[in-house]
C-alpha atoms as a PDB file:
ATOM      1  CA  UNK A   1      22.221-109.441  21.221  1.00  0.00           C
ATOM      2  CA  UNK A   2      22.111-107.938  24.698  1.00  0.00           C
ATOM      3  CA  UNK A   3      25.331-106.570  26.064  1.00  0.00           C
ATOM      4  CA  UNK A   4      26.525-108.688  28.732  1.00  0.00           C
ATOM      5  CA  UNK A   5      29.311-107.564  31.164  1.00  0.00           C
ATOM      6  CA  UNK A   6      30.702-111.140  31.865  1.00  0.00           C
ATOM      7  CA  UNK A   7      31.425-111.531  27.749  1.00  0.00           C
ATOM      8  CA  UNK A   8      32.402-108.086  27.354  1.00  0.00           C
ATOM      9  CA  UNK A   9      34.745-107.560  30.508  1.00  0.00           C
ATOM     10  CA  UNK A  10      36.509-111.033  30.918  1.00  0.00           C
ATOM     11  CA  UNK A  11      39.206-109.421  32.552  1.00  0.00           C
ATOM     12  CA  UNK A  12      37.016-108.405  35.575  1.00  0.00           C
ATOM     13  CA  UNK A  13      34.485-111.285  35.304  1.00  0.00           C
ATOM     14  CA  UNK A  14      36.431-114.136  34.296  1.00  0.00           C
ATOM     15  CA  UNK A  15      40.128-114.878  35.904  1.00  0.00           C
ATOM     16  CA  UNK A  16      41.513-118.299  35.602  1.00  0.00           C
ATOM     17  CA  UNK A  17      42.213-120.453  38.919  1.00  0.00           C
ATOM     18  CA  UNK A  18      45.614-118.776  39.382  1.00  0.00           C
ATOM     19  CA  UNK A  19      46.411-115.744  40.983  1.00  0.00           C
ATOM     20  CA  UNK A  20      46.554-112.589  38.638  1.00  0.00           C
ATOM     21  CA  UNK A  21      47.207-108.471  39.134  1.00  0.00           C
ATOM     22  CA  UNK A  22      44.253-106.535  38.140  1.00  0.00           C
ATOM     23  CA  UNK A  23      43.636-102.496  38.499  1.00  0.00           C
ATOM     24  CA  UNK A  24      39.849-102.285  38.503  1.00  0.00           C
ATOM     25  CA  UNK A  25      38.572 -99.168  37.260  1.00  0.00           C
ATOM     26  CA  UNK A  26      35.936 -97.262  39.319  1.00  0.00           C
ATOM     27  CA  UNK A  27      32.502 -98.858  39.023  1.00  0.00           C
ATOM     28  CA  UNK A  28      28.788 -98.062  40.244  1.00  0.00           C
ATOM     29  CA  UNK A  29      26.547-100.636  42.348  1.00  0.00           C
ATOM     30  CA  UNK A  30      22.864-100.860  43.035  1.00  0.00           C
ATOM     31  CA  UNK A  31      24.052-102.158  47.025  1.00  0.00           C
ATOM     32  CA  UNK A  32      22.650-103.045  50.589  1.00  0.00           C
ATOM     33  CA  UNK A  33      24.364-103.416  53.394  1.00  0.00           C
ATOM     34  CA  UNK A  34      23.913-105.439  56.743  1.00  0.00           C
ATOM     35  CA  UNK A  35      25.648-107.718  59.287  1.00  0.00           C
ATOM     36  CA  UNK A  36      24.659-111.680  59.589  1.00  0.00           C
ATOM     37  CA  UNK A  37      24.681-115.115  58.372  1.00  0.00           C
ATOM     38  CA  UNK A  38      23.730-115.155  54.624  1.00  0.00           C
ATOM     39  CA  UNK A  39      22.471-118.641  55.072  1.00  0.00           C
ATOM     40  CA  UNK A  40      19.864-118.058  57.322  1.00  0.00           C
ATOM     41  CA  UNK A  41      16.351-118.648  56.518  1.00  0.00           C
ATOM     42  CA  UNK A  42      14.431-115.239  55.827  1.00  0.00           C
ATOM     43  CA  UNK A  43      17.526-113.401  57.287  1.00  0.00           C
ATOM     44  CA  UNK A  44      18.711-110.055  56.245  1.00  0.00           C
ATOM     45  CA  UNK A  45      20.877-111.027  53.394  1.00  0.00           C
ATOM     46  CA  UNK A  46      18.078-112.758  51.683  1.00  0.00           C
ATOM     47  CA  UNK A  47      15.638-109.860  52.114  1.00  0.00           C
ATOM     48  CA  UNK A  48      18.768-107.522  50.803  1.00  0.00           C
ATOM     49  CA  UNK A  49      18.955-110.196  47.821  1.00  0.00           C
ATOM     50  CA  UNK A  50      15.152-109.004  46.967  1.00  0.00           C
ATOM     51  CA  UNK A  51      15.917-105.640  47.228  1.00  0.00           C
ATOM     52  CA  UNK A  52      18.989-105.860  45.040  1.00  0.00           C
ATOM     53  CA  UNK A  53      16.944-107.789  42.231  1.00  0.00           C
ATOM     54  CA  UNK A  54      13.860-105.721  42.103  1.00  0.00           C
ATOM     55  CA  UNK A  55      15.873-102.561  41.424  1.00  0.00           C
ATOM     56  CA  UNK A  56      18.387-104.190  39.311  1.00  0.00           C
ATOM     57  CA  UNK A  57      15.582-105.546  36.814  1.00  0.00           C
ATOM     58  CA  UNK A  58      13.661-102.414  37.007  1.00  0.00           C
ATOM     59  CA  UNK A  59      16.298-100.476  35.366  1.00  0.00           C
ATOM     60  CA  UNK A  60      16.757-103.576  33.306  1.00  0.00           C
ATOM     61  CA  UNK A  61      13.165-103.070  31.839  1.00  0.00           C
ATOM     62  CA  UNK A  62      12.770 -99.115  32.145  1.00  0.00           C
ATOM     63  CA  UNK A  63      12.437 -99.154  28.540  1.00  0.00           C
ATOM     64  CA  UNK A  64       9.146-101.230  28.623  1.00  0.00           C
ATOM     65  CA  UNK A  65       7.699 -98.933  31.333  1.00  0.00           C
ATOM     66  CA  UNK A  66       8.367 -95.645  29.123  1.00  0.00           C
ATOM     67  CA  UNK A  67      10.592 -94.202  31.636  1.00  0.00           C
ATOM     68  CA  UNK A  68      13.327 -92.739  29.642  1.00  0.00           C
ATOM     69  CA  UNK A  69      16.939 -93.069  30.531  1.00  0.00           C
ATOM     70  CA  UNK A  70      19.690 -90.926  28.679  1.00  0.00           C
ATOM     71  CA  UNK A  71      22.421 -93.752  26.981  1.00  0.00           C
ATOM     72  CA  UNK A  72      20.168 -96.765  28.008  1.00  0.00           C
ATOM     73  CA  UNK A  73      21.116-100.127  25.968  1.00  0.00           C
ATOM     74  CA  UNK A  74      20.017-103.504  26.387  1.00  0.00           C
ATOM     75  CA  UNK A  75      21.685-105.609  28.661  1.00  0.00           C
ATOM     76  CA  UNK A  76      22.037-108.981  30.831  1.00  0.00           C
ATOM     77  CA  UNK A  77      21.775-108.215  34.585  1.00  0.00           C
ATOM     78  CA  UNK A  78      25.318-108.591  35.464  1.00  0.00           C
ATOM     79  CA  UNK A  79      26.333-111.121  38.251  1.00  0.00           C
ATOM     80  CA  UNK A  80      25.821-110.629  42.020  1.00  0.00           C
ATOM     81  CA  UNK A  81      28.671-109.347  44.185  1.00  0.00           C
ATOM     82  CA  UNK A  82      29.459-109.115  48.028  1.00  0.00           C
ATOM     83  CA  UNK A  83      31.719-106.978  49.919  1.00  0.00           C
ATOM     84  CA  UNK A  84      32.754-108.713  53.522  1.00  0.00           C
ATOM     85  CA  UNK A  85      34.569-108.049  57.100  1.00  0.00           C
ATOM     86  CA  UNK A  86      34.357-109.108  59.911  1.00  0.00           C
ATOM     87  CA  UNK A  87      36.254-107.872  63.009  1.00  0.00           C
ATOM     88  CA  UNK A  88      39.504-109.648  63.518  1.00  0.00           C
ATOM     89  CA  UNK A  89      39.165-110.954  60.052  1.00  0.00           C
ATOM     90  CA  UNK A  90      36.390-112.832  57.778  1.00  0.00           C
ATOM     91  CA  UNK A  91      35.705-116.121  60.224  1.00  0.00           C
ATOM     92  CA  UNK A  92      34.278-118.646  57.907  1.00  0.00           C
ATOM     93  CA  UNK A  93      32.882-120.797  61.086  1.00  0.00           C
ATOM     94  CA  UNK A  94      31.203-117.923  62.639  1.00  0.00           C
ATOM     95  CA  UNK A  95      29.059-116.336  59.727  1.00  0.00           C
ATOM     96  CA  UNK A  96      26.452-114.629  62.307  1.00  0.00           C
ATOM     97  CA  UNK A  97      29.913-112.083  62.693  1.00  0.00           C
ATOM     98  CA  UNK A  98      29.763-111.216  58.538  1.00  0.00           C
ATOM     99  CA  UNK A  99      29.659-107.662  58.009  1.00  0.00           C
ATOM    100  CA  UNK A 100      28.500-107.646  54.187  1.00  0.00           C
ATOM    101  CA  UNK A 101      27.331-105.407  51.744  1.00  0.00           C
ATOM    102  CA  UNK A 102      25.618-107.125  48.506  1.00  0.00           C
ATOM    103  CA  UNK A 103      25.511-105.161  45.546  1.00  0.00           C
ATOM    104  CA  UNK A 104      25.113-105.632  41.616  1.00  0.00           C
ATOM    105  CA  UNK A 105      26.679-103.635  39.181  1.00  0.00           C
ATOM    106  CA  UNK A 106      25.090-100.959  37.402  1.00  0.00           C
ATOM    107  CA  UNK A 107      25.821 -99.490  34.137  1.00  0.00           C
ATOM    108  CA  UNK A 108      27.468 -96.182  33.479  1.00  0.00           C
ATOM    109  CA  UNK A 109      24.218 -94.771  31.789  1.00  0.00           C
ATOM    110  CA  UNK A 110      22.341 -95.307  35.626  1.00  0.00           C
ATOM    111  CA  UNK A 111      22.275 -91.641  37.189  1.00  0.00           C
ATOM    112  CA  UNK A 112      21.784 -91.236  40.839  1.00  0.00           C
ATOM    113  CA  UNK A 113      18.364 -89.788  39.179  1.00  0.00           C
ATOM    114  CA  UNK A 114      17.518 -93.073  37.313  1.00  0.00           C
ATOM    115  CA  UNK A 115      18.441 -94.801  40.146  1.00  0.00           C
ATOM    116  CA  UNK A 116      15.977 -93.345  42.591  1.00  0.00           C
ATOM    117  CA  UNK A 117      13.292 -93.298  39.996  1.00  0.00           C
ATOM    118  CA  UNK A 118      14.316 -97.148  39.880  1.00  0.00           C
ATOM    119  CA  UNK A 119      14.085 -97.797  43.481  1.00  0.00           C
ATOM    120  CA  UNK A 120      10.712 -95.718  43.684  1.00  0.00           C
ATOM    121  CA  UNK A 121       9.050 -98.141  41.149  1.00  0.00           C
ATOM    122  CA  UNK A 122      10.469-100.836  42.739  1.00  0.00           C
ATOM    123  CA  UNK A 123       8.488-100.674  45.513  1.00  0.00           C
ATOM    124  CA  UNK A 124       5.365 -99.861  43.794  1.00  0.00           C
ATOM    125  CA  UNK A 125       5.658-102.670  41.276  1.00  0.00           C
ATOM    126  CA  UNK A 126       6.904-105.111  43.838  1.00  0.00           C
ATOM    127  CA  UNK A 127       5.189-104.052  47.368  1.00  0.00           C
ATOM    128  CA  UNK A 128       8.399-104.190  48.310  1.00  0.00           C
ATOM    129  CA  UNK A 129      10.566-102.221  50.587  1.00  0.00           C
ATOM    130  CA  UNK A 130      13.795-100.687  48.986  1.00  0.00           C
ATOM    131  CA  UNK A 131      14.380 -98.468  51.617  1.00  0.00           C
ATOM    132  CA  UNK A 132      17.527 -99.878  51.972  1.00  0.00           C
ATOM    133  CA  UNK A 133      18.942 -99.565  48.620  1.00  0.00           C
ATOM    134  CA  UNK A 134      21.996 -97.193  48.036  1.00  0.00           C
ATOM    135  CA  UNK A 135      23.948 -96.231  44.956  1.00  0.00           C
ATOM    136  CA  UNK A 136      27.340 -97.163  45.628  1.00  0.00           C
ATOM    137  CA  UNK A 137      30.617 -95.938  43.747  1.00  0.00           C
ATOM    138  CA  UNK A 138      33.535 -98.205  44.898  1.00  0.00           C
ATOM    139  CA  UNK A 139      37.126 -97.745  43.297  1.00  0.00           C
ATOM    140  CA  UNK A 140      38.934-100.634  44.286  1.00  0.00           C
ATOM    141  CA  UNK A 141      42.259-100.009  42.268  1.00  0.00           C
ATOM    142  CA  UNK A 142      44.751-102.421  42.421  1.00  0.00           C
ATOM    143  CA  UNK A 143      43.774-106.052  43.160  1.00  0.00           C
ATOM    144  CA  UNK A 144      44.825-109.614  43.149  1.00  0.00           C
ATOM    145  CA  UNK A 145      42.052-111.773  41.707  1.00  0.00           C
ATOM    146  CA  UNK A 146      41.321-115.480  41.032  1.00  0.00           C
ATOM    147  CA  UNK A 147      38.493-117.999  40.365  1.00  0.00           C
ATOM    148  CA  UNK A 148      37.659-120.046  43.039  1.00  0.00           C
ATOM    149  CA  UNK A 149      35.996-123.381  42.208  1.00  0.00           C
ATOM    150  CA  UNK A 150      34.281-125.257  45.001  1.00  0.00           C
ATOM    151  CA  UNK A 151      31.967-124.270  48.328  1.00  0.00           C
ATOM    152  CA  UNK A 152      32.436-121.148  49.807  1.00  0.00           C
ATOM    153  CA  UNK A 153      33.764-122.624  53.014  1.00  0.00           C
ATOM    154  CA  UNK A 154      36.602-123.756  50.835  1.00  0.00           C
ATOM    155  CA  UNK A 155      37.487-120.268  49.876  1.00  0.00           C
ATOM    156  CA  UNK A 156      40.607-120.161  52.779  1.00  0.00           C
ATOM    157  CA  UNK A 157      42.746-122.751  50.600  1.00  0.00           C
ATOM    158  CA  UNK A 158      42.273-120.418  47.967  1.00  0.00           C
ATOM    159  CA  UNK A 159      42.855-117.373  49.633  1.00  0.00           C
ATOM    160  CA  UNK A 160      46.241-118.875  50.590  1.00  0.00           C
ATOM    161  CA  UNK A 161      47.039-119.152  47.323  1.00  0.00           C
ATOM    162  CA  UNK A 162      46.066-115.885  46.738  1.00  0.00           C
ATOM    163  CA  UNK A 163      48.687-114.422  49.802  1.00  0.00           C
ATOM    164  CA  UNK A 164      51.273-116.812  48.613  1.00  0.00           C
ATOM    165  CA  UNK A 165      51.453-114.962  45.002  1.00  0.00           C
ATOM    166  CA  UNK A 166      51.310-111.779  46.752  1.00  0.00           C
ATOM    167  CA  UNK A 167      54.442-112.189  49.147  1.00  0.00           C
ATOM    168  CA  UNK A 168      55.961-113.824  46.193  1.00  0.00           C
ATOM    169  CA  UNK A 169      55.327-111.005  43.688  1.00  0.00           C
ATOM    170  CA  UNK A 170      56.595-108.175  46.117  1.00  0.00           C
ATOM    171  CA  UNK A 171      52.806-106.771  47.012  1.00  0.00           C
ATOM    172  CA  UNK A 172      51.333-106.952  50.248  1.00  0.00           C
ATOM    173  CA  UNK A 173      47.554-107.336  51.259  1.00  0.00           C
ATOM    174  CA  UNK A 174      45.279-103.875  51.874  1.00  0.00           C
ATOM    175  CA  UNK A 175      42.177-104.789  53.087  1.00  0.00           C
ATOM    176  CA  UNK A 176      40.923-102.121  55.483  1.00  0.00           C
ATOM    177  CA  UNK A 177      37.714-100.542  56.368  1.00  0.00           C
ATOM    178  CA  UNK A 178      37.306 -98.865  53.054  1.00  0.00           C
ATOM    179  CA  UNK A 179      38.988-101.446  50.868  1.00  0.00           C
ATOM    180  CA  UNK A 180      37.262-105.064  51.318  1.00  0.00           C
ATOM    181  CA  UNK A 181      37.457-108.708  50.620  1.00  0.00           C
ATOM    182  CA  UNK A 182      35.179-108.950  47.269  1.00  0.00           C
ATOM    183  CA  UNK A 183      33.803-111.707  46.088  1.00  0.00           C
ATOM    184  CA  UNK A 184      31.786-111.888  42.436  1.00  0.00           C
ATOM    185  CA  UNK A 185      29.554-115.266  42.163  1.00  0.00           C
ATOM    186  CA  UNK A 186      28.819-116.600  38.703  1.00  0.00           C
ATOM    187  CA  UNK A 187      27.166-119.751  39.775  1.00  0.00           C
ATOM    188  CA  UNK A 188      23.246-120.162  41.094  1.00  0.00           C
ATOM    189  CA  UNK A 189      23.524-122.054  44.416  1.00  0.00           C
ATOM    190  CA  UNK A 190      20.247-123.472  44.205  1.00  0.00           C
ATOM    191  CA  UNK A 191      20.994-124.912  41.209  1.00  0.00           C
ATOM    192  CA  UNK A 192      25.105-125.884  41.254  1.00  0.00           C
ATOM    193  CA  UNK A 193      26.366-128.559  43.270  1.00  0.00           C
ATOM    194  CA  UNK A 194      29.016-126.778  45.949  1.00  0.00           C
ATOM    195  CA  UNK A 195      31.918-128.546  44.359  1.00  0.00           C
ATOM    196  CA  UNK A 196      31.159-126.753  41.217  1.00  0.00           C
ATOM    197  CA  UNK A 197      30.419-123.424  42.242  1.00  0.00           C
ATOM    198  CA  UNK A 198      32.676-120.316  40.092  1.00  0.00           C
ATOM    199  CA  UNK A 199      33.326-117.570  42.461  1.00  0.00           C
ATOM    200  CA  UNK A 200      35.912-114.775  41.739  1.00  0.00           C
ATOM    201  CA  UNK A 201      37.690-113.770  44.824  1.00  0.00           C
ATOM    202  CA  UNK A 202      39.593-110.485  44.548  1.00  0.00           C
ATOM    203  CA  UNK A 203      41.651-108.730  47.391  1.00  0.00           C
ATOM    204  CA  UNK A 204      43.019-105.393  47.686  1.00  0.00           C
ATOM    205  CA  UNK A 205      46.728-104.767  47.096  1.00  0.00           C
ATOM    206  CA  UNK A 206      49.282-102.546  47.173  1.00  0.00           C
ATOM    207  CA  UNK A 207      53.167-102.336  46.590  1.00  0.00           C
ATOM    208  CA  UNK A 208      55.327-103.654  49.268  1.00  0.00           C
ATOM    209  CA  UNK A 209      57.822-100.826  50.465  1.00  0.00           C
END
């Protein structure tokens, strides 16, 4: 049976609907950066997803192409994730100002050499410009996270619960230019009603002094 990150690392992908503190280890991603409304048809965000999935599935299927990646094991491609920031804070009423890093986690066996092979292979096979794909390493560290159920536009009410929890437990939010608002998308919005969407929301925190 293929390795499934969501099942093997439930503490990272399947939190409850109550805030919890968690220490996140360093992880590698295939990532594409951009700016603008993610709902824009034909916009940069939608184009970024094409690149991400092309590269991620090229790595996933690399054994069928005869490319030997040391330490390779069969696995389910992890869910789509996103790091978001906006000057003055996330404004859900003005998505045109969103800055985002859209990404998919890479298994630890994927070296930079294997990654750049996959980028070139995805370009060749898919006839797709993958030049914006980057090998991104993220060290999140201590965070508060929660499972948000509902529309993306309803996230502020869940974030308010997170903020209250952080204050109550003696922490403070530590969102900076390096530590960002983080979302993990467990539902496909094309197949799921907005009020049923499951999204992990994660915020960096630090001990209040």
